[in-house]
Amino acid sequence: FAKQWNAFALLDREKWYKLEEVAALLPKGTLTPDNVASRREGTLSDGDFRYYYRVLETVQGKATAPFDYVKEQASKVILHKRKQEMLERWKEDLYQKELRRENVKIYR
């Protein structure tokens, strides 16, 4: 039903959405950090639109984020760290190579 008649739907049960993303799609004040725990599902009308929502799971701000939520960000951080380490090794190798060739002079 939702896929056929929707203007917009968040139906991926494997993906985590930020509260702000979901709340922006619903009438103002429907879901807030204060009421998201008590409002697990609901139906509302706003003019020509009808909204159906169900909150499957929530994680509070101080809690550890679910892996699926941070997986992409964690991958980027790991790749960035590896790039930094490779660059440092390359710089050190280049320095040592040029030092052996006596292309680097240290003045004191």
Protein backbone atom coordinates (compact mmCIF):
# COMPACT_ATOMS: atom_id res chain seq x y z
CA PHE A 1 0.00 0.00 0.00
CA ALA A 2 2.66 2.51 1.04
CA LYS A 3 4.80 1.86 -2.02
CA GLN A 4 1.84 2.34 -4.36
CA TRP A 5 0.18 5.44 -2.87
CA ASN A 6 2.94 7.24 -1.03
CA ALA A 7 4.40 10.63 -1.76
CA PHE A 8 7.39 9.56 0.32
CA ALA A 9 8.20 6.52 2.45
CA LEU A 10 11.07 5.38 4.64
CA LEU A 11 10.62 1.63 4.42
CA ASP A 12 14.16 0.28 4.77
CA ARG A 13 14.06 -1.63 8.08
CA GLU A 14 17.85 -2.15 7.96
CA LYS A 15 18.68 1.57 7.80
CA TRP A 16 18.80 3.88 10.81
CA TYR A 17 17.37 7.38 10.38
CA LYS A 18 18.11 10.44 12.48
CA LEU A 19 15.13 11.77 14.39
CA GLU A 20 15.53 15.11 12.61
CA GLU A 21 15.23 13.40 9.19
CA VAL A 22 11.99 11.64 10.08
CA ALA A 23 10.50 14.56 12.03
CA ALA A 24 11.07 16.88 9.04
CA LEU A 25 8.71 14.71 6.97
CA LEU A 26 5.87 14.79 9.52
CA PRO A 27 3.80 17.74 10.73
CA LYS A 28 5.78 19.89 13.16
CA GLY A 29 5.84 18.58 16.73
CA THR A 30 4.75 15.03 15.86
CA LEU A 31 8.08 13.47 16.81
CA THR A 32 10.51 15.25 19.10
CA PRO A 33 13.37 14.04 21.31
CA ASP A 34 11.00 14.36 24.28
CA ASN A 35 8.13 12.29 22.90
CA VAL A 36 9.70 9.78 20.49
CA ALA A 37 9.90 7.07 23.16
CA SER A 38 6.18 7.29 23.96
CA ARG A 39 4.92 7.70 20.39
CA ARG A 40 5.84 4.38 18.82
CA GLU A 41 3.26 4.59 16.02
CA GLY A 42 0.49 6.82 14.84
CA THR A 43 -1.68 8.20 12.08
CA LEU A 44 -2.29 11.88 11.41
CA SER A 45 -3.94 14.04 8.80
CA ASP A 46 -2.63 17.37 7.62
CA GLY A 47 -4.72 18.92 4.86
CA ASP A 48 -4.63 16.58 1.86
CA PHE A 49 -2.02 14.28 3.37
CA ARG A 50 -2.31 11.34 5.73
CA TYR A 51 0.76 10.22 7.67
CA TYR A 52 1.41 6.75 9.06
CA TYR A 53 4.49 6.16 11.15
CA ARG A 54 5.98 3.46 13.33
CA VAL A 55 9.14 3.81 15.37
CA LEU A 56 10.80 0.40 15.44
CA GLU A 57 13.70 1.20 17.75
CA THR A 58 15.33 4.23 19.32
CA VAL A 59 18.77 4.92 20.74
CA GLN A 60 19.29 7.77 23.19
CA GLY A 61 21.94 10.40 22.45
CA LYS A 62 24.49 9.20 25.01
CA ALA A 63 24.14 5.50 24.10
CA THR A 64 26.52 3.74 21.73
CA ALA A 65 25.23 4.05 18.18
CA PRO A 66 24.24 0.86 16.34
CA PHE A 67 26.90 -0.48 13.98
CA ASP A 68 24.65 -0.17 10.91
CA TYR A 69 24.22 3.53 11.68
CA VAL A 70 27.95 4.32 11.97
CA LYS A 71 29.32 1.76 9.50
CA GLU A 72 29.86 4.22 6.64
CA GLN A 73 31.39 6.87 8.90
CA ALA A 74 33.64 4.28 10.56
CA SER A 75 34.83 3.08 7.14
CA LYS A 76 35.73 6.65 6.16
CA VAL A 77 37.66 7.19 9.40
CA ILE A 78 39.57 3.91 8.99
CA LEU A 79 40.42 4.66 5.35
CA HIS A 80 41.56 8.18 6.25
CA LYS A 81 43.80 6.82 9.01
CA ARG A 82 45.31 4.26 6.62
CA LYS A 83 45.98 6.98 4.03
CA GLN A 84 47.68 9.12 6.67
CA GLU A 85 49.86 6.19 7.78
CA MET A 86 50.79 5.35 4.17
CA LEU A 87 51.70 8.97 3.49
CA GLU A 88 53.88 9.14 6.61
CA ARG A 89 55.65 5.89 5.64
CA TRP A 90 56.17 7.17 2.09
CA LYS A 91 57.63 10.47 3.37
CA GLU A 92 59.97 8.64 5.75
CA ASP A 93 61.06 6.18 3.04
CA LEU A 94 61.70 9.03 0.60
CA TYR A 95 63.68 10.92 3.22
CA GLN A 96 65.81 7.86 4.08
CA LYS A 97 66.42 7.10 0.38
CA GLU A 98 67.55 10.66 -0.36
CA LEU A 99 69.65 10.68 2.81
CA ARG A 100 71.50 7.56 1.58
CA ARG A 101 72.06 9.22 -1.81
CA GLU A 102 73.45 12.21 0.07
CA ASN A 103 70.85 14.52 -1.47
CA VAL A 104 69.91 15.77 1.99
CA LYS A 105 72.28 17.84 4.06
CA ILE A 106 71.70 18.71 7.67
CA TYR A 107 73.25 21.95 8.86
CA ARG A 108 73.78 22.62 12.53
